[in-house]
Amino acid sequence: RMDFPIPSKFAVATLHMPHQFYPVIFLIQLTMMLTASTG
C-alpha cells in the first residue's frame, strides 16, 4: 500500500520496520532525491 519514491519496497522489507516509520522513510528518500538533483 506504500509506493516509495525510490524503488525500495523489498529493500525496506528486509529491515522489518513497522509501517508507522514509512513516512519517515519517504522523507529520507525525498532528501536523497533532492541531494542527487543538486549534485
PDB file of all heavy atoms in Angstrom:
ATOM      1  N   ARG A   1       0.815  -1.205   0.000  1.00  0.00           N
ATOM      2  CA  ARG A   1       0.000   0.000   0.000  1.00  0.00           C
ATOM      3  C   ARG A   1       0.857   1.266   0.000  1.00  0.00           C
ATOM      4  O   ARG A   1       0.339   2.369  -0.041  1.00  0.00           O
ATOM      5  CB  ARG A   1      -0.906  -0.009   1.236  1.00  0.00           C
ATOM      6  CG  ARG A   1      -1.798  -1.225   1.308  1.00  0.00           C
ATOM      7  CD  ARG A   1      -2.597  -1.271   2.598  1.00  0.00           C
ATOM      8  NE  ARG A   1      -3.584  -0.217   2.650  1.00  0.00           N
ATOM      9  CZ  ARG A   1      -4.419  -0.049   3.688  1.00  0.00           C
ATOM     10  NH1 ARG A   1      -4.356  -0.867   4.717  1.00  0.00           N
ATOM     11  NH2 ARG A   1      -5.288   0.926   3.679  1.00  0.00           N
ATOM     12  N   MET A   2       2.165   1.108   0.038  1.00  0.00           N
ATOM     13  CA  MET A   2       3.055   2.263   0.108  1.00  0.00           C
ATOM     14  C   MET A   2       3.946   2.290  -1.118  1.00  0.00           C
ATOM     15  O   MET A   2       4.723   1.361  -1.350  1.00  0.00           O
ATOM     16  CB  MET A   2       3.921   2.199   1.365  1.00  0.00           C
ATOM     17  CG  MET A   2       4.791   3.426   1.566  1.00  0.00           C
ATOM     18  SD  MET A   2       3.799   4.862   1.935  1.00  0.00           S
ATOM     19  CE  MET A   2       5.096   6.112   2.104  1.00  0.00           C
ATOM     20  N   ASP A   3       3.830   3.316  -1.935  1.00  0.00           N
ATOM     21  CA  ASP A   3       4.697   3.495  -3.089  1.00  0.00           C
ATOM     22  C   ASP A   3       5.832   4.429  -2.690  1.00  0.00           C
ATOM     23  O   ASP A   3       5.625   5.632  -2.502  1.00  0.00           O
ATOM     24  CB  ASP A   3       3.925   4.097  -4.271  1.00  0.00           C
ATOM     25  CG  ASP A   3       3.119   3.058  -5.009  1.00  0.00           C
ATOM     26  OD1 ASP A   3       3.590   1.920  -5.120  1.00  0.00           O
ATOM     27  OD2 ASP A   3       2.009   3.387  -5.453  1.00  0.00           O
ATOM     28  N   PHE A   4       7.017   3.887  -2.566  1.00  0.00           N
ATOM     29  CA  PHE A   4       8.160   4.705  -2.200  1.00  0.00           C
ATOM     30  C   PHE A   4       8.640   5.488  -3.423  1.00  0.00           C
ATOM     31  O   PHE A   4       8.566   5.006  -4.558  1.00  0.00           O
ATOM     32  CB  PHE A   4       9.286   3.832  -1.663  1.00  0.00           C
ATOM     33  CG  PHE A   4       8.976   3.215  -0.320  1.00  0.00           C
ATOM     34  CD1 PHE A   4       8.722   1.861  -0.209  1.00  0.00           C
ATOM     35  CD2 PHE A   4       8.936   4.002   0.816  1.00  0.00           C
ATOM     36  CE1 PHE A   4       8.439   1.298   1.020  1.00  0.00           C
ATOM     37  CE2 PHE A   4       8.650   3.442   2.049  1.00  0.00           C
ATOM     38  CZ  PHE A   4       8.396   2.085   2.157  1.00  0.00           C
ATOM     39  N   PRO A   5       9.162   6.688  -3.212  1.00  0.00           N
ATOM     40  CA  PRO A   5       9.694   7.475  -4.335  1.00  0.00           C
ATOM     41  C   PRO A   5      10.820   6.755  -5.055  1.00  0.00           C
ATOM     42  O   PRO A   5      10.915   6.778  -6.274  1.00  0.00           O
ATOM     43  CB  PRO A   5      10.187   8.758  -3.658  1.00  0.00           C
ATOM     44  CG  PRO A   5       9.464   8.821  -2.369  1.00  0.00           C
ATOM     45  CD  PRO A   5       9.229   7.405  -1.944  1.00  0.00           C
ATOM     46  N   ILE A   6      11.700   6.129  -4.277  1.00  0.00           N
ATOM     47  CA  ILE A   6      12.802   5.350  -4.831  1.00  0.00           C
ATOM     48  C   ILE A   6      12.405   3.876  -4.791  1.00  0.00           C
ATOM     49  O   ILE A   6      11.877   3.412  -3.777  1.00  0.00           O
ATOM     50  CB  ILE A   6      14.079   5.575  -4.004  1.00  0.00           C
ATOM     51  CG1 ILE A   6      14.464   7.049  -4.017  1.00  0.00           C
ATOM     52  CG2 ILE A   6      15.227   4.717  -4.512  1.00  0.00           C
ATOM     53  CD1 ILE A   6      15.615   7.396  -3.104  1.00  0.00           C
ATOM     54  N   PRO A   7      12.605   3.120  -5.877  1.00  0.00           N
ATOM     55  CA  PRO A   7      12.283   1.688  -5.847  1.00  0.00           C
ATOM     56  C   PRO A   7      13.004   0.997  -4.699  1.00  0.00           C
ATOM     57  O   PRO A   7      14.223   0.795  -4.744  1.00  0.00           O
ATOM     58  CB  PRO A   7      12.791   1.192  -7.214  1.00  0.00           C
ATOM     59  CG  PRO A   7      12.787   2.395  -8.088  1.00  0.00           C
ATOM     60  CD  PRO A   7      13.118   3.547  -7.189  1.00  0.00           C
ATOM     61  N   SER A   8      12.260   0.621  -3.665  1.00  0.00           N
ATOM     62  CA  SER A   8      12.919   0.084  -2.467  1.00  0.00           C
ATOM     63  C   SER A   8      11.971  -0.741  -1.596  1.00  0.00           C
ATOM     64  O   SER A   8      12.238  -0.932  -0.413  1.00  0.00           O
ATOM     65  CB  SER A   8      13.496   1.237  -1.620  1.00  0.00           C
ATOM     66  OG  SER A   8      12.480   2.169  -1.286  1.00  0.00           O
ATOM     67  N   LYS A   9      10.863  -1.226  -2.154  1.00  0.00           N
ATOM     68  CA  LYS A   9       9.889  -1.942  -1.349  1.00  0.00           C
ATOM     69  C   LYS A   9      10.501  -3.185  -0.709  1.00  0.00           C
ATOM     70  O   LYS A   9      10.361  -3.410   0.505  1.00  0.00           O
ATOM     71  CB  LYS A   9       8.687  -2.337  -2.195  1.00  0.00           C
ATOM     72  CG  LYS A   9       7.566  -2.989  -1.386  1.00  0.00           C
ATOM     73  CD  LYS A   9       6.346  -3.239  -2.243  1.00  0.00           C
ATOM     74  CE  LYS A   9       6.610  -4.304  -3.299  1.00  0.00           C
ATOM     75  NZ  LYS A   9       5.375  -4.671  -4.024  1.00  0.00           N
ATOM     76  N   PHE A  10      11.208  -3.996  -1.488  1.00  0.00           N
ATOM     77  CA  PHE A  10      11.798  -5.222  -0.951  1.00  0.00           C
ATOM     78  C   PHE A  10      13.009  -4.909  -0.078  1.00  0.00           C
ATOM     79  O   PHE A  10      13.267  -5.604   0.904  1.00  0.00           O
ATOM     80  CB  PHE A  10      12.190  -6.152  -2.103  1.00  0.00           C
ATOM     81  CG  PHE A  10      11.021  -6.784  -2.794  1.00  0.00           C
ATOM     82  CD1 PHE A  10      10.413  -6.169  -3.875  1.00  0.00           C
ATOM     83  CD2 PHE A  10      10.502  -8.000  -2.357  1.00  0.00           C
ATOM     84  CE1 PHE A  10       9.330  -6.748  -4.514  1.00  0.00           C
ATOM     85  CE2 PHE A  10       9.424  -8.585  -2.985  1.00  0.00           C
ATOM     86  CZ  PHE A  10       8.821  -7.961  -4.070  1.00  0.00           C
ATOM     87  N   ALA A  11      13.753  -3.862  -0.450  1.00  0.00           N
ATOM     88  CA  ALA A  11      14.910  -3.482   0.372  1.00  0.00           C
ATOM     89  C   ALA A  11      14.469  -3.010   1.752  1.00  0.00           C
ATOM     90  O   ALA A  11      15.078  -3.360   2.772  1.00  0.00           O
ATOM     91  CB  ALA A  11      15.706  -2.386  -0.331  1.00  0.00           C
ATOM     92  N   VAL A  12      13.378  -2.229   1.807  1.00  0.00           N
ATOM     93  CA  VAL A  12      12.857  -1.770   3.094  1.00  0.00           C
ATOM     94  C   VAL A  12      12.274  -2.930   3.882  1.00  0.00           C
ATOM     95  O   VAL A  12      12.393  -2.992   5.116  1.00  0.00           O
ATOM     96  CB  VAL A  12      11.803  -0.662   2.875  1.00  0.00           C
ATOM     97  CG1 VAL A  12      11.103  -0.304   4.184  1.00  0.00           C
ATOM     98  CG2 VAL A  12      12.455   0.577   2.282  1.00  0.00           C
ATOM     99  N   ALA A  13      11.653  -3.880   3.176  1.00  0.00           N
ATOM    100  CA  ALA A  13      11.044  -5.026   3.859  1.00  0.00           C
ATOM    101  C   ALA A  13      12.085  -5.862   4.596  1.00  0.00           C
ATOM    102  O   ALA A  13      11.793  -6.473   5.625  1.00  0.00           O
ATOM    103  CB  ALA A  13      10.282  -5.886   2.866  1.00  0.00           C
ATOM    104  N   THR A  14      13.321  -5.884   4.072  1.00  0.00           N
ATOM    105  CA  THR A  14      14.368  -6.663   4.740  1.00  0.00           C
ATOM    106  C   THR A  14      14.759  -6.070   6.084  1.00  0.00           C
ATOM    107  O   THR A  14      15.357  -6.748   6.918  1.00  0.00           O
ATOM    108  CB  THR A  14      15.616  -6.747   3.844  1.00  0.00           C
ATOM    109  OG1 THR A  14      16.093  -5.418   3.564  1.00  0.00           O
ATOM    110  CG2 THR A  14      15.299  -7.451   2.534  1.00  0.00           C
ATOM    111  N   LEU A  15      14.424  -4.798   6.301  1.00  0.00           N
ATOM    112  CA  LEU A  15      14.736  -4.154   7.582  1.00  0.00           C
ATOM    113  C   LEU A  15      13.693  -4.444   8.653  1.00  0.00           C
ATOM    114  O   LEU A  15      13.914  -4.141   9.825  1.00  0.00           O
ATOM    115  CB  LEU A  15      14.846  -2.635   7.383  1.00  0.00           C
ATOM    116  CG  LEU A  15      15.907  -2.155   6.380  1.00  0.00           C
ATOM    117  CD1 LEU A  15      15.841  -0.644   6.233  1.00  0.00           C
ATOM    118  CD2 LEU A  15      17.297  -2.597   6.817  1.00  0.00           C
ATOM    119  N   HIS A  16      12.534  -4.989   8.227  1.00  0.00           N
ATOM    120  CA  HIS A  16      11.446  -5.330   9.146  1.00  0.00           C
ATOM    121  C   HIS A  16      11.018  -4.136  10.000  1.00  0.00           C
ATOM    122  O   HIS A  16      10.857  -4.232  11.220  1.00  0.00           O
ATOM    123  CB  HIS A  16      11.860  -6.499  10.061  1.00  0.00           C
ATOM    124  CG  HIS A  16      12.303  -7.721   9.315  1.00  0.00           C
ATOM    125  ND1 HIS A  16      11.424  -8.513   8.603  1.00  0.00           N
ATOM    126  CD2 HIS A  16      13.541  -8.267   9.149  1.00  0.00           C
ATOM    127  CE1 HIS A  16      12.097  -9.508   8.047  1.00  0.00           C
ATOM    128  NE2 HIS A  16      13.380  -9.380   8.358  1.00  0.00           N
ATOM    129  N   MET A  17      10.838  -3.009   9.346  1.00  0.00           N
ATOM    130  CA  MET A  17      10.432  -1.789  10.051  1.00  0.00           C
ATOM    131  C   MET A  17       8.913  -1.706  10.097  1.00  0.00           C
ATOM    132  O   MET A  17       8.231  -2.070   9.132  1.00  0.00           O
ATOM    133  CB  MET A  17      10.996  -0.550   9.351  1.00  0.00           C
ATOM    134  CG  MET A  17      12.505  -0.495   9.324  1.00  0.00           C
ATOM    135  SD  MET A  17      13.106   1.029   8.567  1.00  0.00           S
ATOM    136  CE  MET A  17      12.523   2.227   9.739  1.00  0.00           C
ATOM    137  N   PRO A  18       8.339  -1.226  11.206  1.00  0.00           N
ATOM    138  CA  PRO A  18       6.885  -1.029  11.284  1.00  0.00           C
ATOM    139  C   PRO A  18       6.425  -0.007  10.253  1.00  0.00           C
ATOM    140  O   PRO A  18       7.166   0.917   9.898  1.00  0.00           O
ATOM    141  CB  PRO A  18       6.671  -0.518  12.713  1.00  0.00           C
ATOM    142  CG  PRO A  18       7.896  -0.910  13.459  1.00  0.00           C
ATOM    143  CD  PRO A  18       9.022  -0.899  12.468  1.00  0.00           C
ATOM    144  N   HIS A  19       5.193  -0.179   9.790  1.00  0.00           N
ATOM    145  CA  HIS A  19       4.710   0.721   8.752  1.00  0.00           C
ATOM    146  C   HIS A  19       4.539   2.148   9.259  1.00  0.00           C
ATOM    147  O   HIS A  19       4.415   3.084   8.465  1.00  0.00           O
ATOM    148  CB  HIS A  19       3.386   0.206   8.179  1.00  0.00           C
ATOM    149  CG  HIS A  19       2.249   0.265   9.146  1.00  0.00           C
ATOM    150  ND1 HIS A  19       2.018  -0.720  10.078  1.00  0.00           N
ATOM    151  CD2 HIS A  19       1.281   1.207   9.333  1.00  0.00           C
ATOM    152  CE1 HIS A  19       0.953  -0.396  10.803  1.00  0.00           C
ATOM    153  NE2 HIS A  19       0.490   0.759  10.367  1.00  0.00           N
ATOM    154  N   GLN A  20       4.562   2.363  10.576  1.00  0.00           N
ATOM    155  CA  GLN A  20       4.485   3.722  11.104  1.00  0.00           C
ATOM    156  C   GLN A  20       5.723   4.552  10.743  1.00  0.00           C
ATOM    157  O   GLN A  20       5.669   5.792  10.730  1.00  0.00           O
ATOM    158  CB  GLN A  20       4.341   3.705  12.635  1.00  0.00           C
ATOM    159  CG  GLN A  20       3.002   3.198  13.146  1.00  0.00           C
ATOM    160  CD  GLN A  20       2.982   1.680  13.264  1.00  0.00           C
ATOM    161  OE1 GLN A  20       3.948   1.019  12.861  1.00  0.00           O
ATOM    162  NE2 GLN A  20       1.907   1.136  13.808  1.00  0.00           N
ATOM    163  N   PHE A  21       6.825   3.870  10.421  1.00  0.00           N
ATOM    164  CA  PHE A  21       8.046   4.581  10.066  1.00  0.00           C
ATOM    165  C   PHE A  21       8.122   4.895   8.573  1.00  0.00           C
ATOM    166  O   PHE A  21       9.067   5.541   8.134  1.00  0.00           O
ATOM    167  CB  PHE A  21       9.274   3.743  10.459  1.00  0.00           C
ATOM    168  CG  PHE A  21       9.515   3.702  11.933  1.00  0.00           C
ATOM    169  CD1 PHE A  21       9.023   2.667  12.708  1.00  0.00           C
ATOM    170  CD2 PHE A  21      10.230   4.712  12.557  1.00  0.00           C
ATOM    171  CE1 PHE A  21       9.249   2.623  14.073  1.00  0.00           C
ATOM    172  CE2 PHE A  21      10.464   4.676  13.930  1.00  0.00           C
ATOM    173  CZ  PHE A  21       9.962   3.633  14.694  1.00  0.00           C
ATOM    174  N   TYR A  22       7.130   4.439   7.806  1.00  0.00           N
ATOM    175  CA  TYR A  22       7.190   4.659   6.363  1.00  0.00           C
ATOM    176  C   TYR A  22       7.184   6.132   5.965  1.00  0.00           C
ATOM    177  O   TYR A  22       7.888   6.528   5.021  1.00  0.00           O
ATOM    178  CB  TYR A  22       6.046   3.916   5.679  1.00  0.00           C
ATOM    179  CG  TYR A  22       6.299   2.430   5.540  1.00  0.00           C
ATOM    180  CD1 TYR A  22       7.382   1.828   6.174  1.00  0.00           C
ATOM    181  CD2 TYR A  22       5.463   1.625   4.774  1.00  0.00           C
ATOM    182  CE1 TYR A  22       7.619   0.470   6.057  1.00  0.00           C
ATOM    183  CE2 TYR A  22       5.689   0.268   4.652  1.00  0.00           C
ATOM    184  CZ  TYR A  22       6.775  -0.309   5.290  1.00  0.00           C
ATOM    185  OH  TYR A  22       7.012  -1.651   5.169  1.00  0.00           O
ATOM    186  N   PRO A  23       6.405   7.000   6.633  1.00  0.00           N
ATOM    187  CA  PRO A  23       6.509   8.435   6.296  1.00  0.00           C
ATOM    188  C   PRO A  23       7.914   8.994   6.505  1.00  0.00           C
ATOM    189  O   PRO A  23       8.371   9.855   5.754  1.00  0.00           O
ATOM    190  CB  PRO A  23       5.483   9.092   7.233  1.00  0.00           C
ATOM    191  CG  PRO A  23       4.496   8.019   7.499  1.00  0.00           C
ATOM    192  CD  PRO A  23       5.280   6.752   7.558  1.00  0.00           C
ATOM    193  N   VAL A  24       8.613   8.498   7.531  1.00  0.00           N
ATOM    194  CA  VAL A  24       9.988   8.936   7.771  1.00  0.00           C
ATOM    195  C   VAL A  24      10.888   8.481   6.627  1.00  0.00           C
ATOM    196  O   VAL A  24      11.740   9.237   6.135  1.00  0.00           O
ATOM    197  CB  VAL A  24      10.506   8.396   9.109  1.00  0.00           C
ATOM    198  CG1 VAL A  24      11.961   8.791   9.331  1.00  0.00           C
ATOM    199  CG2 VAL A  24       9.633   8.885  10.253  1.00  0.00           C
ATOM    200  N   ILE A  25      10.687   7.230   6.192  1.00  0.00           N
ATOM    201  CA  ILE A  25      11.465   6.720   5.065  1.00  0.00           C
ATOM    202  C   ILE A  25      11.177   7.533   3.813  1.00  0.00           C
ATOM    203  O   ILE A  25      12.079   7.845   3.027  1.00  0.00           O
ATOM    204  CB  ILE A  25      11.139   5.226   4.832  1.00  0.00           C
ATOM    205  CG1 ILE A  25      11.553   4.405   6.054  1.00  0.00           C
ATOM    206  CG2 ILE A  25      11.842   4.713   3.580  1.00  0.00           C
ATOM    207  CD1 ILE A  25      11.173   2.947   5.956  1.00  0.00           C
ATOM    208  N   PHE A  26       9.923   7.905   3.652  1.00  0.00           N
ATOM    209  CA  PHE A  26       9.539   8.721   2.497  1.00  0.00           C
ATOM    210  C   PHE A  26      10.293  10.051   2.509  1.00  0.00           C
ATOM    211  O   PHE A  26      10.823  10.489   1.475  1.00  0.00           O
ATOM    212  CB  PHE A  26       8.027   8.962   2.521  1.00  0.00           C
ATOM    213  CG  PHE A  26       7.502   9.676   1.319  1.00  0.00           C
ATOM    214  CD1 PHE A  26       7.047   8.970   0.218  1.00  0.00           C
ATOM    215  CD2 PHE A  26       7.464  11.060   1.266  1.00  0.00           C
ATOM    216  CE1 PHE A  26       6.556   9.619  -0.898  1.00  0.00           C
ATOM    217  CE2 PHE A  26       6.976  11.725   0.163  1.00  0.00           C
ATOM    218  CZ  PHE A  26       6.522  11.001  -0.922  1.00  0.00           C
ATOM    219  N   LEU A  27      10.367  10.711   3.649  1.00  0.00           N
ATOM    220  CA  LEU A  27      11.071  11.990   3.745  1.00  0.00           C
ATOM    221  C   LEU A  27      12.571  11.816   3.525  1.00  0.00           C
ATOM    222  O   LEU A  27      13.221  12.677   2.909  1.00  0.00           O
ATOM    223  CB  LEU A  27      10.806  12.615   5.118  1.00  0.00           C
ATOM    224  CG  LEU A  27       9.368  13.080   5.383  1.00  0.00           C
ATOM    225  CD1 LEU A  27       9.232  13.598   6.808  1.00  0.00           C
ATOM    226  CD2 LEU A  27       8.954  14.156   4.384  1.00  0.00           C
ATOM    227  N   ILE A  28      13.112  10.707   4.025  1.00  0.00           N
ATOM    228  CA  ILE A  28      14.540  10.450   3.799  1.00  0.00           C
ATOM    229  C   ILE A  28      14.823  10.268   2.311  1.00  0.00           C
ATOM    230  O   ILE A  28      15.809  10.790   1.777  1.00  0.00           O
ATOM    231  CB  ILE A  28      14.985   9.210   4.597  1.00  0.00           C
ATOM    232  CG1 ILE A  28      14.930   9.500   6.102  1.00  0.00           C
ATOM    233  CG2 ILE A  28      16.397   8.783   4.193  1.00  0.00           C
ATOM    234  CD1 ILE A  28      15.226   8.293   6.965  1.00  0.00           C
ATOM    235  N   GLN A  29      13.947   9.545   1.635  1.00  0.00           N
ATOM    236  CA  GLN A  29      14.145   9.342   0.213  1.00  0.00           C
ATOM    237  C   GLN A  29      13.957  10.639  -0.572  1.00  0.00           C
ATOM    238  O   GLN A  29      14.624  10.864  -1.594  1.00  0.00           O
ATOM    239  CB  GLN A  29      13.192   8.257  -0.287  1.00  0.00           C
ATOM    240  CG  GLN A  29      13.506   6.874   0.257  1.00  0.00           C
ATOM    241  CD  GLN A  29      12.716   5.784  -0.423  1.00  0.00           C
ATOM    242  OE1 GLN A  29      11.874   6.048  -1.281  1.00  0.00           O
ATOM    243  NE2 GLN A  29      12.979   4.541  -0.049  1.00  0.00           N
ATOM    244  N   LEU A  30      13.039  11.499  -0.099  1.00  0.00           N
ATOM    245  CA  LEU A  30      12.889  12.816  -0.721  1.00  0.00           C
ATOM    246  C   LEU A  30      14.188  13.601  -0.609  1.00  0.00           C
ATOM    247  O   LEU A  30      14.645  14.231  -1.578  1.00  0.00           O
ATOM    248  CB  LEU A  30      11.750  13.580  -0.055  1.00  0.00           C
ATOM    249  CG  LEU A  30      11.593  15.060  -0.442  1.00  0.00           C
ATOM    250  CD1 LEU A  30      11.304  15.181  -1.933  1.00  0.00           C
ATOM    251  CD2 LEU A  30      10.493  15.716   0.362  1.00  0.00           C
ATOM    252  N   THR A  31      14.812  13.552   0.568  1.00  0.00           N
ATOM    253  CA  THR A  31      16.097  14.234   0.766  1.00  0.00           C
ATOM    254  C   THR A  31      17.168  13.668  -0.153  1.00  0.00           C
ATOM    255  O   THR A  31      17.977  14.414  -0.731  1.00  0.00           O
ATOM    256  CB  THR A  31      16.546  14.091   2.235  1.00  0.00           C
ATOM    257  OG1 THR A  31      15.537  14.615   3.098  1.00  0.00           O
ATOM    258  CG2 THR A  31      17.852  14.837   2.469  1.00  0.00           C
ATOM    259  N   MET A  32      17.168  12.354  -0.323  1.00  0.00           N
ATOM    260  CA  MET A  32      18.143  11.724  -1.214  1.00  0.00           C
ATOM    261  C   MET A  32      17.966  12.196  -2.654  1.00  0.00           C
ATOM    262  O   MET A  32      18.946  12.538  -3.335  1.00  0.00           O
ATOM    263  CB  MET A  32      17.998  10.203  -1.154  1.00  0.00           C
ATOM    264  CG  MET A  32      18.471   9.566   0.132  1.00  0.00           C
ATOM    265  SD  MET A  32      18.249   7.760   0.077  1.00  0.00           S
ATOM    266  CE  MET A  32      18.946   7.295   1.667  1.00  0.00           C
ATOM    267  N   MET A  33      16.728  12.248  -3.113  1.00  0.00           N
ATOM    268  CA  MET A  33      16.477  12.646  -4.494  1.00  0.00           C
ATOM    269  C   MET A  33      16.846  14.107  -4.725  1.00  0.00           C
ATOM    270  O   MET A  33      17.430  14.459  -5.754  1.00  0.00           O
ATOM    271  CB  MET A  33      15.011  12.408  -4.851  1.00  0.00           C
ATOM    272  CG  MET A  33      14.642  10.939  -4.975  1.00  0.00           C
ATOM    273  SD  MET A  33      13.027  10.694  -5.745  1.00  0.00           S
ATOM    274  CE  MET A  33      13.343  11.254  -7.401  1.00  0.00           C
ATOM    275  N   LEU A  34      16.520  14.974  -3.784  1.00  0.00           N
ATOM    276  CA  LEU A  34      16.863  16.388  -3.932  1.00  0.00           C
ATOM    277  C   LEU A  34      18.378  16.591  -3.870  1.00  0.00           C
ATOM    278  O   LEU A  34      18.923  17.447  -4.584  1.00  0.00           O
ATOM    279  CB  LEU A  34      16.168  17.212  -2.850  1.00  0.00           C
ATOM    280  CG  LEU A  34      14.637  17.279  -2.940  1.00  0.00           C
ATOM    281  CD1 LEU A  34      14.072  18.120  -1.809  1.00  0.00           C
ATOM    282  CD2 LEU A  34      14.197  17.847  -4.288  1.00  0.00           C
ATOM    283  N   THR A  35      19.054  15.797  -3.039  1.00  0.00           N
ATOM    284  CA  THR A  35      20.516  15.891  -2.971  1.00  0.00           C
ATOM    285  C   THR A  35      21.145  15.440  -4.280  1.00  0.00           C
ATOM    286  O   THR A  35      22.094  16.063  -4.780  1.00  0.00           O
ATOM    287  CB  THR A  35      21.051  15.043  -1.808  1.00  0.00           C
ATOM    288  OG1 THR A  35      20.456  15.481  -0.586  1.00  0.00           O
ATOM    289  CG2 THR A  35      22.559  15.164  -1.701  1.00  0.00           C
ATOM    290  N   ALA A  36      20.622  14.335  -4.843  1.00  0.00           N
ATOM    291  CA  ALA A  36      21.144  13.859  -6.128  1.00  0.00           C
ATOM    292  C   ALA A  36      20.883  14.881  -7.234  1.00  0.00           C
ATOM    293  O   ALA A  36      21.739  15.117  -8.096  1.00  0.00           O
ATOM    294  CB  ALA A  36      20.507  12.518  -6.485  1.00  0.00           C
ATOM    295  N   SER A  37      19.707  15.511  -7.213  1.00  0.00           N
ATOM    296  CA  SER A  37      19.396  16.543  -8.208  1.00  0.00           C
ATOM    297  C   SER A  37      20.328  17.732  -8.063  1.00  0.00           C
ATOM    298  O   SER A  37      20.814  18.283  -9.069  1.00  0.00           O
ATOM    299  CB  SER A  37      17.940  16.994  -8.057  1.00  0.00           C
ATOM    300  OG  SER A  37      17.044  15.936  -8.317  1.00  0.00           O
ATOM    301  N   THR A  38      20.600  18.122  -6.815  1.00  0.00           N
ATOM    302  CA  THR A  38      21.519  19.238  -6.587  1.00  0.00           C
ATOM    303  C   THR A  38      22.935  18.878  -7.034  1.00  0.00           C
ATOM    304  O   THR A  38      23.636  19.701  -7.627  1.00  0.00           O
ATOM    305  CB  THR A  38      21.528  19.630  -5.101  1.00  0.00           C
ATOM    306  OG1 THR A  38      20.195  19.935  -4.683  1.00  0.00           O
ATOM    307  CG2 THR A  38      22.405  20.841  -4.867  1.00  0.00           C
ATOM    308  N   GLY A  39      23.347  17.635  -6.756  1.00  0.00           N
ATOM    309  CA  GLY A  39      24.683  17.210  -7.157  1.00  0.00           C
ATOM    310  C   GLY A  39      24.873  17.228  -8.656  1.00  0.00           C
ATOM    311  O   GLY A  39      25.935  17.614  -9.160  1.00  0.00           O
TER     312      GLY A  39
END
